[in-house]
N, C-alpha and C. Protein backbone atom coordinates (compact mmCIF):
# COMPACT_ATOMS: atom_id res chain seq x y z
N MET A 1 194.83 -22.71 -31.88
CA MET A 1 195.30 -22.57 -30.51
C MET A 1 196.22 -23.74 -30.16
N PRO A 2 197.28 -23.49 -29.42
CA PRO A 2 198.16 -24.58 -29.04
C PRO A 2 197.52 -25.47 -28.00
N LEU A 3 197.92 -26.70 -28.01
CA LEU A 3 197.43 -27.65 -27.02
C LEU A 3 198.39 -27.68 -25.84
N ILE A 4 197.84 -27.68 -24.65
CA ILE A 4 198.65 -27.79 -23.44
C ILE A 4 198.09 -28.94 -22.62
N ARG A 5 198.94 -29.85 -22.29
CA ARG A 5 198.50 -31.00 -21.50
C ARG A 5 198.54 -30.64 -20.02
N SER A 6 197.46 -30.97 -19.34
CA SER A 6 197.42 -30.74 -17.90
C SER A 6 198.00 -31.96 -17.20
N PRO A 7 198.33 -31.84 -15.92
CA PRO A 7 198.86 -33.00 -15.19
C PRO A 7 197.87 -34.16 -15.24
N ARG A 8 198.41 -35.35 -15.21
CA ARG A 8 197.54 -36.53 -15.26
C ARG A 8 196.60 -36.59 -14.06
N GLU A 9 195.37 -36.87 -14.39
CA GLU A 9 194.37 -37.04 -13.34
C GLU A 9 193.73 -38.41 -13.55
N SER A 10 193.67 -39.20 -12.55
CA SER A 10 193.09 -40.55 -12.60
C SER A 10 193.72 -41.38 -13.71
N GLY A 11 195.02 -41.18 -13.94
CA GLY A 11 195.71 -41.97 -14.94
C GLY A 11 195.48 -41.52 -16.38
N ARG A 12 194.65 -40.51 -16.59
CA ARG A 12 194.38 -40.02 -17.94
C ARG A 12 194.82 -38.56 -18.03
N SER A 13 195.39 -38.20 -19.17
CA SER A 13 195.76 -36.80 -19.34
C SER A 13 194.63 -36.05 -20.02
N LYS A 14 194.41 -34.84 -19.61
CA LYS A 14 193.39 -34.00 -20.20
C LYS A 14 194.08 -32.95 -21.04
N VAL A 15 193.42 -32.54 -22.09
CA VAL A 15 193.97 -31.50 -22.96
C VAL A 15 193.04 -30.30 -22.87
N ARG A 16 193.65 -29.11 -22.68
CA ARG A 16 192.84 -27.90 -22.67
C ARG A 16 193.44 -26.92 -23.66
N ARG A 17 192.62 -26.09 -24.22
CA ARG A 17 193.09 -25.11 -25.18
C ARG A 17 193.26 -23.77 -24.46
N THR A 18 194.35 -23.10 -24.78
CA THR A 18 194.57 -21.78 -24.22
C THR A 18 194.66 -20.78 -25.35
N PRO A 19 194.12 -19.59 -25.15
CA PRO A 19 194.19 -18.59 -26.21
C PRO A 19 195.61 -18.08 -26.37
N VAL A 20 195.94 -17.75 -27.60
CA VAL A 20 197.26 -17.18 -27.89
C VAL A 20 197.14 -15.67 -27.75
N ALA A 21 198.10 -15.06 -27.08
CA ALA A 21 198.08 -13.62 -26.85
C ALA A 21 198.18 -12.88 -28.17
N ASP A 22 197.51 -11.72 -28.24
CA ASP A 22 197.68 -10.86 -29.39
C ASP A 22 199.08 -10.29 -29.36
N VAL A 23 199.69 -10.22 -30.51
CA VAL A 23 201.04 -9.70 -30.61
C VAL A 23 201.01 -8.49 -31.54
N ALA A 24 201.69 -7.44 -31.14
CA ALA A 24 201.78 -6.24 -31.97
C ALA A 24 203.23 -5.81 -32.03
N LEU A 25 203.61 -5.27 -33.16
CA LEU A 25 204.95 -4.74 -33.33
C LEU A 25 204.84 -3.24 -33.54
N ARG A 26 205.77 -2.51 -32.94
CA ARG A 26 205.81 -1.07 -33.13
C ARG A 26 207.25 -0.61 -33.04
N LEU A 27 207.47 0.60 -33.48
CA LEU A 27 208.81 1.16 -33.38
C LEU A 27 209.21 1.28 -31.92
N ILE A 28 210.48 1.14 -31.67
CA ILE A 28 211.01 1.33 -30.32
C ILE A 28 211.11 2.82 -30.06
N ASP A 29 210.64 3.25 -28.90
CA ASP A 29 210.80 4.67 -28.55
C ASP A 29 211.59 4.80 -27.26
N ASP A 30 211.89 6.02 -26.88
CA ASP A 30 212.73 6.26 -25.71
C ASP A 30 212.17 5.64 -24.43
N ALA A 31 210.86 5.60 -24.30
CA ALA A 31 210.24 5.05 -23.10
C ALA A 31 210.48 3.54 -22.96
N ASP A 32 210.87 2.87 -24.04
CA ASP A 32 211.12 1.43 -24.01
C ASP A 32 212.52 1.07 -23.53
N LEU A 33 213.44 2.02 -23.55
CA LEU A 33 214.85 1.70 -23.34
C LEU A 33 215.15 1.11 -21.97
N ASP A 34 214.51 1.60 -20.92
CA ASP A 34 214.77 1.05 -19.59
C ASP A 34 214.38 -0.43 -19.53
N ALA A 35 213.22 -0.77 -20.08
CA ALA A 35 212.77 -2.16 -20.07
C ALA A 35 213.68 -3.04 -20.93
N LEU A 36 214.08 -2.53 -22.08
CA LEU A 36 214.99 -3.29 -22.95
C LEU A 36 216.32 -3.52 -22.27
N PHE A 37 216.83 -2.49 -21.63
CA PHE A 37 218.11 -2.62 -20.92
C PHE A 37 218.01 -3.70 -19.85
N ASP A 38 216.93 -3.69 -19.08
CA ASP A 38 216.74 -4.72 -18.04
C ASP A 38 216.68 -6.11 -18.65
N GLN A 39 215.98 -6.25 -19.77
CA GLN A 39 215.86 -7.56 -20.41
C GLN A 39 217.21 -8.03 -20.96
N MET A 40 217.96 -7.11 -21.52
CA MET A 40 219.23 -7.48 -22.13
C MET A 40 220.32 -7.80 -21.12
N ARG A 41 220.07 -7.54 -19.86
CA ARG A 41 221.07 -7.89 -18.85
C ARG A 41 220.57 -8.96 -17.88
N ASP A 42 219.39 -9.51 -18.15
CA ASP A 42 218.87 -10.60 -17.35
C ASP A 42 219.82 -11.80 -17.51
N PRO A 43 220.40 -12.32 -16.42
CA PRO A 43 221.42 -13.37 -16.52
C PRO A 43 220.99 -14.59 -17.33
N GLU A 44 219.77 -15.06 -17.15
CA GLU A 44 219.32 -16.24 -17.89
C GLU A 44 219.20 -15.94 -19.38
N SER A 45 218.67 -14.77 -19.71
CA SER A 45 218.54 -14.37 -21.11
C SER A 45 219.90 -14.18 -21.76
N VAL A 46 220.83 -13.57 -21.04
CA VAL A 46 222.17 -13.35 -21.56
C VAL A 46 222.84 -14.68 -21.86
N GLN A 47 222.72 -15.62 -20.95
CA GLN A 47 223.34 -16.94 -21.14
C GLN A 47 222.75 -17.65 -22.36
N MET A 48 221.43 -17.58 -22.52
CA MET A 48 220.78 -18.25 -23.63
C MET A 48 221.13 -17.57 -24.96
N ALA A 49 221.09 -16.26 -25.01
CA ALA A 49 221.37 -15.54 -26.25
C ALA A 49 222.82 -15.69 -26.66
N ALA A 50 223.72 -15.69 -25.71
CA ALA A 50 225.16 -15.90 -25.90
C ALA A 50 225.86 -14.73 -26.58
N PHE A 51 225.33 -14.24 -27.68
CA PHE A 51 225.99 -13.17 -28.42
C PHE A 51 225.41 -11.84 -27.96
N THR A 52 225.99 -11.33 -26.90
CA THR A 52 225.48 -10.13 -26.25
C THR A 52 226.61 -9.12 -26.09
N ALA A 53 226.30 -8.04 -25.43
CA ALA A 53 227.31 -7.04 -25.13
C ALA A 53 228.37 -7.64 -24.21
N THR A 54 229.58 -7.13 -24.33
CA THR A 54 230.65 -7.61 -23.46
C THR A 54 230.29 -7.42 -22.00
N ASP A 55 229.72 -6.26 -21.67
CA ASP A 55 229.27 -5.98 -20.31
C ASP A 55 227.80 -5.57 -20.36
N PRO A 56 226.88 -6.51 -20.14
CA PRO A 56 225.45 -6.20 -20.23
C PRO A 56 224.99 -5.12 -19.25
N ASN A 57 225.77 -4.84 -18.23
CA ASN A 57 225.39 -3.82 -17.24
C ASN A 57 225.87 -2.42 -17.59
N ASP A 58 226.56 -2.26 -18.71
CA ASP A 58 227.09 -0.96 -19.13
C ASP A 58 225.99 -0.19 -19.85
N ARG A 59 225.28 0.67 -19.13
CA ARG A 59 224.15 1.41 -19.69
C ARG A 59 224.60 2.38 -20.78
N GLU A 60 225.74 3.00 -20.61
CA GLU A 60 226.22 3.95 -21.62
C GLU A 60 226.46 3.23 -22.96
N ALA A 61 227.10 2.06 -22.90
CA ALA A 61 227.33 1.29 -24.12
C ALA A 61 226.01 0.84 -24.73
N PHE A 62 225.04 0.45 -23.90
CA PHE A 62 223.72 0.06 -24.38
C PHE A 62 223.05 1.22 -25.11
N ASP A 63 223.05 2.40 -24.49
CA ASP A 63 222.41 3.56 -25.11
C ASP A 63 223.07 3.93 -26.43
N THR A 64 224.40 3.85 -26.48
CA THR A 64 225.12 4.14 -27.72
C THR A 64 224.75 3.13 -28.81
N HIS A 65 224.72 1.86 -28.44
CA HIS A 65 224.36 0.79 -29.37
C HIS A 65 222.93 0.98 -29.89
N MET A 66 221.99 1.24 -29.00
CA MET A 66 220.59 1.41 -29.41
C MET A 66 220.43 2.64 -30.29
N SER A 67 221.14 3.70 -29.99
CA SER A 67 221.06 4.90 -30.81
C SER A 67 221.53 4.61 -32.23
N ARG A 68 222.63 3.85 -32.33
CA ARG A 68 223.15 3.48 -33.65
C ARG A 68 222.14 2.61 -34.41
N LEU A 69 221.55 1.63 -33.73
CA LEU A 69 220.57 0.76 -34.37
C LEU A 69 219.33 1.53 -34.81
N ARG A 70 218.86 2.42 -33.95
CA ARG A 70 217.61 3.15 -34.24
C ARG A 70 217.77 4.17 -35.36
N THR A 71 218.99 4.60 -35.64
CA THR A 71 219.19 5.60 -36.69
C THR A 71 219.73 4.99 -37.98
N SER A 72 220.02 3.71 -37.98
CA SER A 72 220.55 3.06 -39.18
C SER A 72 219.43 2.79 -40.18
N PRO A 73 219.61 3.21 -41.43
CA PRO A 73 218.58 2.94 -42.44
C PRO A 73 218.52 1.47 -42.84
N ASP A 74 219.53 0.70 -42.47
CA ASP A 74 219.59 -0.72 -42.86
C ASP A 74 219.00 -1.66 -41.82
N ILE A 75 218.55 -1.13 -40.70
CA ILE A 75 218.06 -1.97 -39.60
C ILE A 75 216.63 -1.62 -39.28
N ILE A 76 215.80 -2.64 -39.14
CA ILE A 76 214.40 -2.45 -38.77
C ILE A 76 214.22 -3.01 -37.37
N LEU A 77 213.97 -2.13 -36.42
CA LEU A 77 213.76 -2.56 -35.03
C LEU A 77 212.28 -2.47 -34.69
N ARG A 78 211.77 -3.46 -34.02
CA ARG A 78 210.40 -3.45 -33.52
C ARG A 78 210.43 -4.01 -32.11
N TRP A 79 209.45 -3.61 -31.34
CA TRP A 79 209.32 -4.05 -29.95
C TRP A 79 208.09 -4.91 -29.84
N GLY A 80 208.25 -6.19 -29.59
CA GLY A 80 207.11 -7.11 -29.56
C GLY A 80 206.72 -7.48 -28.14
N GLN A 81 205.46 -7.71 -27.94
CA GLN A 81 204.94 -8.20 -26.66
C GLN A 81 204.18 -9.47 -26.96
N GLY A 82 204.65 -10.59 -26.50
CA GLY A 82 203.90 -11.81 -26.74
C GLY A 82 204.76 -12.96 -27.19
N ILE A 83 204.24 -13.72 -28.07
CA ILE A 83 204.83 -14.98 -28.46
C ILE A 83 205.80 -14.78 -29.62
N ALA A 84 206.96 -15.40 -29.51
CA ALA A 84 208.04 -15.19 -30.47
C ALA A 84 207.65 -15.56 -31.90
N SER A 85 206.96 -16.64 -32.09
CA SER A 85 206.59 -17.06 -33.45
C SER A 85 205.68 -16.04 -34.12
N GLN A 86 204.71 -15.52 -33.37
CA GLN A 86 203.81 -14.51 -33.93
C GLN A 86 204.56 -13.22 -34.22
N ALA A 87 205.42 -12.84 -33.30
CA ALA A 87 206.19 -11.61 -33.50
C ALA A 87 207.09 -11.73 -34.72
N LEU A 88 207.73 -12.87 -34.90
CA LEU A 88 208.60 -13.06 -36.05
C LEU A 88 207.78 -13.05 -37.34
N ALA A 89 206.63 -13.69 -37.36
CA ALA A 89 205.78 -13.70 -38.55
C ALA A 89 205.37 -12.27 -38.92
N LEU A 90 204.98 -11.48 -37.94
CA LEU A 90 204.62 -10.09 -38.20
C LEU A 90 205.83 -9.31 -38.72
N PHE A 91 206.97 -9.54 -38.12
CA PHE A 91 208.18 -8.85 -38.54
C PHE A 91 208.53 -9.22 -39.99
N LEU A 92 208.45 -10.50 -40.31
CA LEU A 92 208.78 -10.94 -41.67
C LEU A 92 207.84 -10.33 -42.70
N ASP A 93 206.60 -10.06 -42.31
CA ASP A 93 205.65 -9.40 -43.21
C ASP A 93 206.07 -7.96 -43.53
N THR A 94 206.86 -7.34 -42.64
CA THR A 94 207.28 -5.95 -42.86
C THR A 94 208.59 -5.84 -43.62
N VAL A 95 209.29 -6.96 -43.80
CA VAL A 95 210.60 -6.96 -44.46
C VAL A 95 210.50 -7.76 -45.75
N PRO A 96 210.37 -7.09 -46.90
CA PRO A 96 210.21 -7.81 -48.16
C PRO A 96 211.51 -8.37 -48.73
N VAL A 97 212.64 -7.93 -48.21
CA VAL A 97 213.93 -8.35 -48.74
C VAL A 97 214.14 -9.85 -48.50
N ARG A 98 214.54 -10.56 -49.55
CA ARG A 98 214.91 -11.95 -49.44
C ARG A 98 216.16 -12.16 -50.27
N PRO A 99 217.07 -12.97 -49.90
CA PRO A 99 217.01 -13.79 -48.70
C PRO A 99 217.32 -12.97 -47.44
N LEU A 100 216.81 -13.46 -46.33
CA LEU A 100 217.12 -12.92 -45.01
C LEU A 100 217.94 -13.96 -44.28
N TYR A 101 218.85 -13.51 -43.46
CA TYR A 101 219.70 -14.42 -42.69
C TYR A 101 219.47 -14.21 -41.21
N ALA A 102 219.61 -15.29 -40.46
CA ALA A 102 219.48 -15.25 -39.01
C ALA A 102 220.59 -16.11 -38.42
N ARG A 103 220.94 -15.79 -37.19
CA ARG A 103 221.95 -16.56 -36.46
C ARG A 103 221.46 -16.76 -35.03
N ALA A 104 221.80 -17.90 -34.48
CA ALA A 104 221.47 -18.18 -33.08
C ALA A 104 222.49 -19.17 -32.54
N ALA A 105 222.74 -19.08 -31.26
CA ALA A 105 223.60 -20.08 -30.62
C ALA A 105 223.00 -21.45 -30.91
N SER A 106 223.83 -22.39 -31.29
CA SER A 106 223.34 -23.71 -31.69
C SER A 106 222.63 -24.44 -30.56
N ASP A 107 222.91 -24.07 -29.31
CA ASP A 107 222.21 -24.72 -28.20
C ASP A 107 220.97 -23.93 -27.75
N ASN A 108 220.62 -22.87 -28.49
CA ASN A 108 219.42 -22.10 -28.19
C ASN A 108 218.26 -22.71 -28.98
N ILE A 109 217.81 -23.85 -28.51
CA ILE A 109 216.80 -24.65 -29.21
C ILE A 109 215.52 -23.86 -29.46
N GLY A 110 215.09 -23.06 -28.49
CA GLY A 110 213.86 -22.28 -28.65
C GLY A 110 213.93 -21.31 -29.81
N SER A 111 215.01 -20.56 -29.90
CA SER A 111 215.17 -19.59 -31.00
C SER A 111 215.26 -20.31 -32.34
N LEU A 112 216.00 -21.39 -32.38
CA LEU A 112 216.12 -22.15 -33.63
C LEU A 112 214.76 -22.71 -34.07
N ARG A 113 213.98 -23.17 -33.12
CA ARG A 113 212.65 -23.71 -33.44
C ARG A 113 211.75 -22.62 -34.03
N VAL A 114 211.78 -21.43 -33.43
CA VAL A 114 210.97 -20.31 -33.92
C VAL A 114 211.39 -19.95 -35.34
N LEU A 115 212.69 -19.87 -35.59
CA LEU A 115 213.19 -19.52 -36.91
C LEU A 115 212.81 -20.57 -37.96
N ARG A 116 212.97 -21.83 -37.63
CA ARG A 116 212.64 -22.90 -38.59
C ARG A 116 211.13 -22.95 -38.86
N LYS A 117 210.34 -22.71 -37.83
CA LYS A 117 208.88 -22.69 -37.99
C LYS A 117 208.47 -21.58 -38.97
N ALA A 118 209.24 -20.49 -38.99
CA ALA A 118 208.95 -19.37 -39.88
C ALA A 118 209.48 -19.60 -41.29
N GLY A 119 210.14 -20.73 -41.52
CA GLY A 119 210.60 -21.06 -42.86
C GLY A 119 212.09 -20.91 -43.08
N PHE A 120 212.83 -20.47 -42.06
CA PHE A 120 214.28 -20.38 -42.19
C PHE A 120 214.86 -21.79 -42.31
N VAL A 121 215.91 -21.92 -43.11
CA VAL A 121 216.57 -23.20 -43.33
C VAL A 121 218.02 -23.07 -42.84
N ILE A 122 218.49 -24.08 -42.14
CA ILE A 122 219.88 -24.06 -41.68
C ILE A 122 220.80 -24.23 -42.88
N ILE A 123 221.76 -23.30 -42.99
CA ILE A 123 222.70 -23.37 -44.11
C ILE A 123 224.13 -23.60 -43.65
N GLY A 124 224.33 -23.61 -42.33
CA GLY A 124 225.68 -23.88 -41.85
C GLY A 124 225.85 -23.52 -40.39
N THR A 125 227.05 -23.70 -39.93
CA THR A 125 227.42 -23.32 -38.57
C THR A 125 228.77 -22.62 -38.62
N GLU A 126 229.06 -21.93 -37.55
CA GLU A 126 230.31 -21.19 -37.46
C GLU A 126 230.67 -21.10 -35.98
N THR A 127 231.94 -21.12 -35.69
CA THR A 127 232.38 -20.93 -34.32
C THR A 127 232.66 -19.45 -34.12
N SER A 128 232.00 -18.85 -33.13
CA SER A 128 232.13 -17.43 -32.87
C SER A 128 232.28 -17.19 -31.38
N TYR A 129 232.89 -16.07 -31.03
CA TYR A 129 233.07 -15.72 -29.62
C TYR A 129 231.75 -15.18 -29.08
N ALA A 130 231.29 -15.77 -27.99
CA ALA A 130 230.06 -15.34 -27.32
C ALA A 130 230.44 -14.62 -26.04
N ALA A 131 230.29 -13.32 -26.04
CA ALA A 131 230.70 -12.50 -24.89
C ALA A 131 230.01 -12.94 -23.61
N ALA A 132 228.74 -13.31 -23.71
CA ALA A 132 228.00 -13.70 -22.51
C ALA A 132 228.58 -14.93 -21.84
N ARG A 133 229.18 -15.79 -22.64
CA ARG A 133 229.73 -17.03 -22.09
C ARG A 133 231.25 -16.99 -21.97
N LYS A 134 231.83 -15.92 -22.47
CA LYS A 134 233.29 -15.72 -22.40
C LYS A 134 234.07 -16.87 -23.02
N THR A 135 233.53 -17.39 -24.13
CA THR A 135 234.19 -18.48 -24.86
C THR A 135 233.63 -18.54 -26.27
N GLU A 136 234.29 -19.28 -27.12
CA GLU A 136 233.76 -19.52 -28.46
C GLU A 136 232.74 -20.63 -28.39
N ILE A 137 231.65 -20.45 -29.15
CA ILE A 137 230.61 -21.48 -29.21
C ILE A 137 230.17 -21.63 -30.66
N GLU A 138 229.43 -22.70 -30.91
CA GLU A 138 228.89 -22.90 -32.25
C GLU A 138 227.64 -22.06 -32.43
N GLU A 139 227.59 -21.40 -33.58
CA GLU A 139 226.47 -20.55 -33.96
C GLU A 139 225.85 -21.14 -35.22
N THR A 140 224.53 -21.27 -35.24
CA THR A 140 223.83 -21.79 -36.41
C THR A 140 223.41 -20.62 -37.30
N ILE A 141 223.64 -20.78 -38.61
CA ILE A 141 223.31 -19.75 -39.58
C ILE A 141 222.12 -20.27 -40.40
N LEU A 142 221.10 -19.43 -40.54
CA LEU A 142 219.88 -19.82 -41.25
C LEU A 142 219.56 -18.80 -42.33
N ARG A 143 218.79 -19.26 -43.33
CA ARG A 143 218.39 -18.38 -44.43
C ARG A 143 216.92 -18.57 -44.74
N LEU A 144 216.26 -17.48 -45.07
CA LEU A 144 214.86 -17.51 -45.49
C LEU A 144 214.79 -16.95 -46.91
N GLY A 145 214.21 -17.72 -47.81
CA GLY A 145 214.00 -17.27 -49.19
C GLY A 145 215.14 -17.36 -50.07
């Protein structure tokens, strides 16, 4: 269980343990699309992810994109509820192909931390156009296996 420090009381910090949520992965189905669309256009998420759709509010483009992803034999999509590290570990258990590559905006520290914790190693960077930010930014490239 992860440790979470509570606010200091009487000059001493207390540590309490919190349970980690169960995480499950499953195929994405039609009933998930509305929630995914909402998440993919959340302004804070879009800014952090950086490499998003040109117009996150374009539902038709979203549906077309998701249809292409869901029918591609080369792409494995899962819908996770819970903690990113657990979801990634479960996902990696379902994908035997190695090496695997991942990319994240270099300033997306949370995503990079999750990937490195799972064993991905940084192999380089690249400057790419990030639609969400309407500019080129540095993207970190990682490899597993």
